[in-house]
PDB file of N, CA and C in Angstrom:
ATOM      1  N   ASP A   1     -15.040   8.513  -9.639  1.00  0.00           N
ATOM      2  CA  ASP A   1     -16.231   8.500  -8.821  1.00  0.00           C
ATOM      3  C   ASP A   1     -15.806   8.538  -7.349  1.00  0.00           C
ATOM      4  N   SER A   2     -16.096   9.628  -6.683  1.00  0.00           N
ATOM      5  CA  SER A   2     -15.628   9.814  -5.305  1.00  0.00           C
ATOM      6  C   SER A   2     -16.276   8.824  -4.330  1.00  0.00           C
ATOM      7  N   THR A   3     -17.505   8.440  -4.579  1.00  0.00           N
ATOM      8  CA  THR A   3     -18.167   7.468  -3.704  1.00  0.00           C
ATOM      9  C   THR A   3     -17.493   6.106  -3.810  1.00  0.00           C
ATOM     10  N   ALA A   4     -17.176   5.694  -5.012  1.00  0.00           N
ATOM     11  CA  ALA A   4     -16.496   4.408  -5.210  1.00  0.00           C
ATOM     12  C   ALA A   4     -15.095   4.438  -4.599  1.00  0.00           C
ATOM     13  N   TRP A   5     -14.405   5.573  -4.754  1.00  0.00           N
ATOM     14  CA  TRP A   5     -13.059   5.691  -4.189  1.00  0.00           C
ATOM     15  C   TRP A   5     -13.125   5.602  -2.660  1.00  0.00           C
ATOM     16  N   GLU A   6     -14.076   6.291  -2.064  1.00  0.00           N
ATOM     17  CA  GLU A   6     -14.235   6.257  -0.611  1.00  0.00           C
ATOM     18  C   GLU A   6     -14.529   4.833  -0.137  1.00  0.00           C
ATOM     19  N   ARG A   7     -15.356   4.143  -0.873  1.00  0.00           N
ATOM     20  CA  ARG A   7     -15.674   2.750  -0.521  1.00  0.00           C
ATOM     21  C   ARG A   7     -14.427   1.866  -0.606  1.00  0.00           C
ATOM     22  N   LEU A   8     -13.644   2.049  -1.653  1.00  0.00           N
ATOM     23  CA  LEU A   8     -12.418   1.271  -1.825  1.00  0.00           C
ATOM     24  C   LEU A   8     -11.454   1.528  -0.673  1.00  0.00           C
ATOM     25  N   VAL A   9     -11.245   2.782  -0.329  1.00  0.00           N
ATOM     26  CA  VAL A   9     -10.315   3.124   0.756  1.00  0.00           C
ATOM     27  C   VAL A   9     -10.833   2.612   2.100  1.00  0.00           C
ATOM     28  N   ASN A  10     -12.136   2.738   2.326  1.00  0.00           N
ATOM     29  CA  ASN A  10     -12.703   2.236   3.586  1.00  0.00           C
ATOM     30  C   ASN A  10     -12.601   0.722   3.689  1.00  0.00           C
ATOM     31  N   LEU A  11     -12.723   0.039   2.575  1.00  0.00           N
ATOM     32  CA  LEU A  11     -12.659  -1.417   2.564  1.00  0.00           C
ATOM     33  C   LEU A  11     -11.227  -1.927   2.685  1.00  0.00           C
ATOM     34  N   TYR A  12     -10.320  -1.355   1.905  1.00  0.00           N
ATOM     35  CA  TYR A  12      -8.952  -1.874   1.839  1.00  0.00           C
ATOM     36  C   TYR A  12      -7.939  -1.098   2.675  1.00  0.00           C
ATOM     37  N   GLY A  13      -8.275   0.099   3.113  1.00  0.00           N
ATOM     38  CA  GLY A  13      -7.349   0.899   3.917  1.00  0.00           C
ATOM     39  C   GLY A  13      -6.877   0.192   5.175  1.00  0.00           C
ATOM     40  N   PRO A  14      -7.796  -0.360   5.977  1.00  0.00           N
ATOM     41  CA  PRO A  14      -7.342  -1.069   7.179  1.00  0.00           C
ATOM     42  C   PRO A  14      -6.448  -2.275   6.869  1.00  0.00           C
ATOM     43  N   LEU A  15      -6.714  -2.946   5.774  1.00  0.00           N
ATOM     44  CA  LEU A  15      -5.895  -4.088   5.378  1.00  0.00           C
ATOM     45  C   LEU A  15      -4.474  -3.647   5.033  1.00  0.00           C
ATOM     46  N   VAL A  16      -4.361  -2.608   4.222  1.00  0.00           N
ATOM     47  CA  VAL A  16      -3.049  -2.094   3.835  1.00  0.00           C
ATOM     48  C   VAL A  16      -2.283  -1.632   5.074  1.00  0.00           C
ATOM     49  N   TYR A  17      -2.967  -0.915   5.953  1.00  0.00           N
ATOM     50  CA  TYR A  17      -2.336  -0.440   7.188  1.00  0.00           C
ATOM     51  C   TYR A  17      -1.837  -1.623   8.022  1.00  0.00           C
ATOM     52  N   ARG A  18      -2.652  -2.664   8.154  1.00  0.00           N
ATOM     53  CA  ARG A  18      -2.266  -3.848   8.923  1.00  0.00           C
ATOM     54  C   ARG A  18      -1.053  -4.537   8.303  1.00  0.00           C
ATOM     55  N   TRP A  19      -1.053  -4.655   6.973  1.00  0.00           N
ATOM     56  CA  TRP A  19       0.118  -5.246   6.309  1.00  0.00           C
ATOM     57  C   TRP A  19       1.379  -4.472   6.668  1.00  0.00           C
ATOM     58  N   CYS A  20       1.273  -3.148   6.670  1.00  0.00           N
ATOM     59  CA  CYS A  20       2.432  -2.303   6.978  1.00  0.00           C
ATOM     60  C   CYS A  20       2.895  -2.516   8.418  1.00  0.00           C
ATOM     61  N   GLU A  21       1.962  -2.534   9.341  1.00  0.00           N
ATOM     62  CA  GLU A  21       2.337  -2.747  10.742  1.00  0.00           C
ATOM     63  C   GLU A  21       2.931  -4.134  10.964  1.00  0.00           C
ATOM     64  N   GLN A  22       2.390  -5.131  10.278  1.00  0.00           N
ATOM     65  CA  GLN A  22       2.913  -6.492  10.429  1.00  0.00           C
ATOM     66  C   GLN A  22       4.350  -6.609   9.944  1.00  0.00           C
ATOM     67  N   ARG A  23       4.741  -5.733   9.050  1.00  0.00           N
ATOM     68  CA  ARG A  23       6.115  -5.749   8.534  1.00  0.00           C
ATOM     69  C   ARG A  23       7.030  -4.820   9.307  1.00  0.00           C
ATOM     70  N   GLY A  24       6.536  -4.274  10.426  1.00  0.00           N
ATOM     71  CA  GLY A  24       7.401  -3.517  11.323  1.00  0.00           C
ATOM     72  C   GLY A  24       7.358  -2.007  11.184  1.00  0.00           C
ATOM     73  N   LEU A  25       6.472  -1.464  10.381  1.00  0.00           N
ATOM     74  CA  LEU A  25       6.382  -0.013  10.285  1.00  0.00           C
ATOM     75  C   LEU A  25       5.688   0.548  11.517  1.00  0.00           C
ATOM     76  N   GLN A  26       6.192   1.662  12.006  1.00  0.00           N
ATOM     77  CA  GLN A  26       5.556   2.365  13.108  1.00  0.00           C
ATOM     78  C   GLN A  26       4.220   2.927  12.626  1.00  0.00           C
ATOM     79  N   PRO A  27       3.276   3.206  13.534  1.00  0.00           N
ATOM     80  CA  PRO A  27       1.956   3.681  13.114  1.00  0.00           C
ATOM     81  C   PRO A  27       1.982   4.874  12.158  1.00  0.00           C
ATOM     82  N   VAL A  28       2.823   5.853  12.423  1.00  0.00           N
ATOM     83  CA  VAL A  28       2.894   7.026  11.535  1.00  0.00           C
ATOM     84  C   VAL A  28       3.412   6.619  10.153  1.00  0.00           C
ATOM     85  N   ASP A  29       4.425   5.769  10.132  1.00  0.00           N
ATOM     86  CA  ASP A  29       4.987   5.311   8.860  1.00  0.00           C
ATOM     87  C   ASP A  29       4.001   4.413   8.118  1.00  0.00           C
ATOM     88  N   ALA A  30       3.248   3.614   8.854  1.00  0.00           N
ATOM     89  CA  ALA A  30       2.230   2.764   8.227  1.00  0.00           C
ATOM     90  C   ALA A  30       1.153   3.627   7.581  1.00  0.00           C
ATOM     91  N   ALA A  31       0.764   4.707   8.251  1.00  0.00           N
ATOM     92  CA  ALA A  31      -0.240   5.614   7.687  1.00  0.00           C
ATOM     93  C   ALA A  31       0.298   6.304   6.437  1.00  0.00           C
ATOM     94  N   ASP A  32       1.543   6.783   6.495  1.00  0.00           N
ATOM     95  CA  ASP A  32       2.148   7.442   5.327  1.00  0.00           C
ATOM     96  C   ASP A  32       2.289   6.478   4.153  1.00  0.00           C
ATOM     97  N   THR A  33       2.731   5.268   4.446  1.00  0.00           N
ATOM     98  CA  THR A  33       2.909   4.269   3.391  1.00  0.00           C
ATOM     99  C   THR A  33       1.562   3.880   2.794  1.00  0.00           C
ATOM    100  N   SER A  34       0.542   3.782   3.620  1.00  0.00           N
ATOM    101  CA  SER A  34      -0.802   3.493   3.108  1.00  0.00           C
ATOM    102  C   SER A  34      -1.252   4.571   2.137  1.00  0.00           C
ATOM    103  N   GLN A  35      -0.966   5.813   2.474  1.00  0.00           N
ATOM    104  CA  GLN A  35      -1.308   6.923   1.569  1.00  0.00           C
ATOM    105  C   GLN A  35      -0.582   6.757   0.232  1.00  0.00           C
ATOM    106  N   GLU A  36       0.685   6.385   0.292  1.00  0.00           N
ATOM    107  CA  GLU A  36       1.466   6.172  -0.926  1.00  0.00           C
ATOM    108  C   GLU A  36       0.888   5.022  -1.755  1.00  0.00           C
ATOM    109  N   VAL A  37       0.439   3.993  -1.082  1.00  0.00           N
ATOM    110  CA  VAL A  37      -0.168   2.856  -1.769  1.00  0.00           C
ATOM    111  C   VAL A  37      -1.399   3.314  -2.542  1.00  0.00           C
ATOM    112  N   PHE A  38      -2.274   4.060  -1.890  1.00  0.00           N
ATOM    113  CA  PHE A  38      -3.505   4.477  -2.559  1.00  0.00           C
ATOM    114  C   PHE A  38      -3.251   5.540  -3.624  1.00  0.00           C
ATOM    115  N   ARG A  39      -2.193   6.305  -3.474  1.00  0.00           N
ATOM    116  CA  ARG A  39      -1.803   7.218  -4.551  1.00  0.00           C
ATOM    117  C   ARG A  39      -1.404   6.404  -5.791  1.00  0.00           C
ATOM    118  N   ALA A  40      -0.629   5.353  -5.582  1.00  0.00           N
ATOM    119  CA  ALA A  40      -0.221   4.485  -6.693  1.00  0.00           C
ATOM    120  C   ALA A  40      -1.423   3.771  -7.305  1.00  0.00           C
ATOM    121  N   VAL A  41      -2.347   3.324  -6.465  1.00  0.00           N
ATOM    122  CA  VAL A  41      -3.559   2.677  -6.979  1.00  0.00           C
ATOM    123  C   VAL A  41      -4.316   3.644  -7.878  1.00  0.00           C
ATOM    124  N   ALA A  42      -4.476   4.881  -7.412  1.00  0.00           N
ATOM    125  CA  ALA A  42      -5.201   5.879  -8.203  1.00  0.00           C
ATOM    126  C   ALA A  42      -4.515   6.130  -9.549  1.00  0.00           C
ATOM    127  N   GLN A  43      -3.201   6.134  -9.552  1.00  0.00           N
ATOM    128  CA  GLN A  43      -2.456   6.399 -10.783  1.00  0.00           C
ATOM    129  C   GLN A  43      -2.461   5.219 -11.744  1.00  0.00           C
ATOM    130  N   HIS A  44      -2.573   3.999 -11.218  1.00  0.00           N
ATOM    131  CA  HIS A  44      -2.376   2.811 -12.056  1.00  0.00           C
ATOM    132  C   HIS A  44      -3.582   1.875 -12.126  1.00  0.00           C
ATOM    133  N   ILE A  45      -4.716   2.297 -11.632  1.00  0.00           N
ATOM    134  CA  ILE A  45      -5.883   1.413 -11.590  1.00  0.00           C
ATOM    135  C   ILE A  45      -6.273   0.912 -12.976  1.00  0.00           C
ATOM    136  N   LYS A  46      -6.031   1.698 -13.987  1.00  0.00           N
ATOM    137  CA  LYS A  46      -6.376   1.277 -15.353  1.00  0.00           C
ATOM    138  C   LYS A  46      -5.490   0.134 -15.839  1.00  0.00           C
ATOM    139  N   GLN A  47      -4.359  -0.062 -15.179  1.00  0.00           N
ATOM    140  CA  GLN A  47      -3.445  -1.127 -15.575  1.00  0.00           C
ATOM    141  C   GLN A  47      -3.761  -2.461 -14.891  1.00  0.00           C
ATOM    142  N   PHE A  48      -4.674  -2.451 -13.923  1.00  0.00           N
ATOM    143  CA  PHE A  48      -5.024  -3.687 -13.239  1.00  0.00           C
ATOM    144  C   PHE A  48      -5.751  -4.609 -14.215  1.00  0.00           C
ATOM    145  N   ARG A  49      -5.302  -5.849 -14.284  1.00  0.00           N
ATOM    146  CA  ARG A  49      -5.897  -6.848 -15.174  1.00  0.00           C
ATOM    147  C   ARG A  49      -6.138  -8.139 -14.409  1.00  0.00           C
ATOM    148  N   ARG A  50      -7.143  -8.847 -14.835  1.00  0.00           N
ATOM    149  CA  ARG A  50      -7.410 -10.192 -14.309  1.00  0.00           C
ATOM    150  C   ARG A  50      -7.341 -11.153 -15.488  1.00  0.00           C
ATOM    151  N   ASP A  51      -6.149 -11.319 -16.012  1.00  0.00           N
ATOM    152  CA  ASP A  51      -5.953 -12.170 -17.184  1.00  0.00           C
ATOM    153  C   ASP A  51      -5.946 -13.654 -16.841  1.00  0.00           C
ATOM    154  N   ARG A  52      -5.505 -13.976 -15.632  1.00  0.00           N
ATOM    155  CA  ARG A  52      -5.432 -15.375 -15.194  1.00  0.00           C
ATOM    156  C   ARG A  52      -6.381 -15.578 -14.029  1.00  0.00           C
ATOM    157  N   PRO A  53      -6.835 -16.787 -13.822  1.00  0.00           N
ATOM    158  CA  PRO A  53      -7.734 -17.054 -12.688  1.00  0.00           C
ATOM    159  C   PRO A  53      -7.112 -16.676 -11.337  1.00  0.00           C
ATOM    160  N   SER A  54      -5.784 -16.730 -11.251  1.00  0.00           N
ATOM    161  CA  SER A  54      -5.114 -16.422  -9.986  1.00  0.00           C
ATOM    162  C   SER A  54      -4.960 -14.920  -9.742  1.00  0.00           C
ATOM    163  N   ASP A  55      -5.232 -14.093 -10.744  1.00  0.00           N
ATOM    164  CA  ASP A  55      -5.119 -12.639 -10.580  1.00  0.00           C
ATOM    165  C   ASP A  55      -6.252 -12.119  -9.703  1.00  0.00           C
ATOM    166  N   SER A  56      -5.902 -11.226  -8.771  1.00  0.00           N
ATOM    167  CA  SER A  56      -6.930 -10.637  -7.912  1.00  0.00           C
ATOM    168  C   SER A  56      -6.541  -9.196  -7.582  1.00  0.00           C
ATOM    169  N   PHE A  57      -7.537  -8.406  -7.273  1.00  0.00           N
ATOM    170  CA  PHE A  57      -7.259  -7.024  -6.872  1.00  0.00           C
ATOM    171  C   PHE A  57      -6.447  -7.007  -5.584  1.00  0.00           C
ATOM    172  N   ARG A  58      -6.814  -7.875  -4.666  1.00  0.00           N
ATOM    173  CA  ARG A  58      -6.097  -7.929  -3.393  1.00  0.00           C
ATOM    174  C   ARG A  58      -4.625  -8.302  -3.592  1.00  0.00           C
ATOM    175  N   GLY A  59      -4.352  -9.227  -4.490  1.00  0.00           N
ATOM    176  CA  GLY A  59      -2.970  -9.585  -4.804  1.00  0.00           C
ATOM    177  C   GLY A  59      -2.217  -8.432  -5.433  1.00  0.00           C
ATOM    178  N   TRP A  60      -2.875  -7.710  -6.317  1.00  0.00           N
ATOM    179  CA  TRP A  60      -2.280  -6.535  -6.960  1.00  0.00           C
ATOM    180  C   TRP A  60      -1.991  -5.467  -5.908  1.00  0.00           C
ATOM    181  N   LEU A  61      -2.942  -5.274  -4.995  1.00  0.00           N
ATOM    182  CA  LEU A  61      -2.781  -4.297  -3.919  1.00  0.00           C
ATOM    183  C   LEU A  61      -1.630  -4.695  -3.006  1.00  0.00           C
ATOM    184  N   TRP A  62      -1.487  -5.982  -2.715  1.00  0.00           N
ATOM    185  CA  TRP A  62      -0.373  -6.458  -1.889  1.00  0.00           C
ATOM    186  C   TRP A  62       0.958  -6.163  -2.571  1.00  0.00           C
ATOM    187  N   THR A  63       1.029  -6.355  -3.877  1.00  0.00           N
ATOM    188  CA  THR A  63       2.271  -6.081  -4.611  1.00  0.00           C
ATOM    189  C   THR A  63       2.642  -4.605  -4.495  1.00  0.00           C
ATOM    190  N   ILE A  64       1.675  -3.741  -4.670  1.00  0.00           N
ATOM    191  CA  ILE A  64       1.934  -2.297  -4.533  1.00  0.00           C
ATOM    192  C   ILE A  64       2.371  -1.981  -3.111  1.00  0.00           C
ATOM    193  N   THR A  65       1.684  -2.540  -2.139  1.00  0.00           N
ATOM    194  CA  THR A  65       2.014  -2.286  -0.731  1.00  0.00           C
ATOM    195  C   THR A  65       3.429  -2.764  -0.416  1.00  0.00           C
ATOM    196  N   ARG A  66       3.764  -3.958  -0.865  1.00  0.00           N
ATOM    197  CA  ARG A  66       5.108  -4.499  -0.633  1.00  0.00           C
ATOM    198  C   ARG A  66       6.181  -3.582  -1.237  1.00  0.00           C
ATOM    199  N   ASN A  67       5.928  -3.088  -2.443  1.00  0.00           N
ATOM    200  CA  ASN A  67       6.897  -2.192  -3.087  1.00  0.00           C
ATOM    201  C   ASN A  67       7.011  -0.859  -2.352  1.00  0.00           C
ATOM    202  N   LYS A  68       5.914  -0.329  -1.868  1.00  0.00           N
ATOM    203  CA  LYS A  68       5.954   0.930  -1.118  1.00  0.00           C
ATOM    204  C   LYS A  68       6.652   0.745   0.229  1.00  0.00           C
ATOM    205  N   MET A  69       6.480  -0.421   0.858  1.00  0.00           N
ATOM    206  CA  MET A  69       7.209  -0.690   2.099  1.00  0.00           C
ATOM    207  C   MET A  69       8.702  -0.791   1.822  1.00  0.00           C
ATOM    208  N   ARG A  70       9.058  -1.421   0.725  1.00  0.00           N
ATOM    209  CA  ARG A  70      10.485  -1.492   0.350  1.00  0.00           C
ATOM    210  C   ARG A  70      11.046  -0.097   0.131  1.00  0.00           C
ATOM    211  N   ASP A  71      10.279   0.750  -0.552  1.00  0.00           N
ATOM    212  CA  ASP A  71      10.715   2.137  -0.749  1.00  0.00           C
ATOM    213  C   ASP A  71      10.948   2.820   0.596  1.00  0.00           C
ATOM    214  N   HIS A  72      10.037   2.605   1.523  1.00  0.00           N
ATOM    215  CA  HIS A  72      10.159   3.205   2.856  1.00  0.00           C
ATOM    216  C   HIS A  72      11.451   2.744   3.535  1.00  0.00           C
ATOM    217  N   PHE A  73      11.705   1.439   3.539  1.00  0.00           N
ATOM    218  CA  PHE A  73      12.901   0.925   4.209  1.00  0.00           C
ATOM    219  C   PHE A  73      14.183   1.341   3.483  1.00  0.00           C
ATOM    220  N   ARG A  74      14.122   1.499   2.167  1.00  0.00           N
ATOM    221  CA  ARG A  74      15.288   2.002   1.428  1.00  0.00           C
ATOM    222  C   ARG A  74      15.628   3.425   1.863  1.00  0.00           C
ATOM    223  N   ARG A  75      14.587   4.260   2.012  1.00  0.00           N
ATOM    224  CA  ARG A  75      14.814   5.642   2.450  1.00  0.00           C
ATOM    225  C   ARG A  75      15.446   5.673   3.840  1.00  0.00           C
ATOM    226  N   LEU A  76      15.071   4.742   4.692  1.00  0.00           N
ATOM    227  CA  LEU A  76      15.606   4.707   6.060  1.00  0.00           C
ATOM    228  C   LEU A  76      17.000   4.103   6.146  1.00  0.00           C
ATOM    229  N   SER A  77      17.386   3.331   5.165  1.00  0.00           N
ATOM    230  CA  SER A  77      18.640   2.573   5.277  1.00  0.00           C
ATOM    231  C   SER A  77      19.864   3.461   5.401  1.00  0.00           C
ATOM    232  N   GLY A  78      19.836   4.652   4.883  1.00  0.00           N
ATOM    233  CA  GLY A  78      21.006   5.532   4.968  1.00  0.00           C
ATOM    234  C   GLY A  78      21.009   6.426   6.183  1.00  0.00           C
ATOM    235  N   ARG A  79      19.956   6.370   6.976  1.00  0.00           N
ATOM    236  CA  ARG A  79      19.849   7.260   8.142  1.00  0.00           C
ATOM    237  C   ARG A  79      20.315   6.562   9.407  1.00  0.00           C
ATOM    238  N   GLU A  80      20.824   7.381  10.333  1.00  0.00           N
ATOM    239  CA  GLU A  80      21.172   6.849  11.636  1.00  0.00           C
ATOM    240  C   GLU A  80      19.907   6.701  12.451  1.00  0.00           C
ATOM    241  N   LYS A  81      19.874   5.673  13.296  1.00  0.00           N
ATOM    242  CA  LYS A  81      18.715   5.438  14.153  1.00  0.00           C
ATOM    243  C   LYS A  81      18.768   6.324  15.375  1.00  0.00           C
ATOM    244  N   ALA A  82      17.637   6.844  15.767  1.00  0.00           N
ATOM    245  CA  ALA A  82      17.551   7.655  16.971  1.00  0.00           C
ATOM    246  C   ALA A  82      17.682   6.770  18.197  1.00  0.00           C
ATOM    247  N   VAL A  83      18.232   7.337  19.243  1.00  0.00           N
ATOM    248  CA  VAL A  83      18.361   6.590  20.495  1.00  0.00           C
ATOM    249  C   VAL A  83      17.407   7.108  21.531  1.00  0.00           C
TER     250      VAL A  83
END
């Protein structure tokens, strides 16, 4: 449902972007990583479960975001820094 997807991205997109910036990603990298996060959400939304009272969509989204940020920093770890 495209309307529901748009609502989800509008609601959680700024949060994901802020998480990325708070962890030191530059604005362009934060935007790219946010896109990767929502791509993963789209692919795995059927796997989201609330089996325990502590389970939440926001917590699940944070886990995906954290993993995508790690992927980003792993890709950068072998590169030389620009001066």
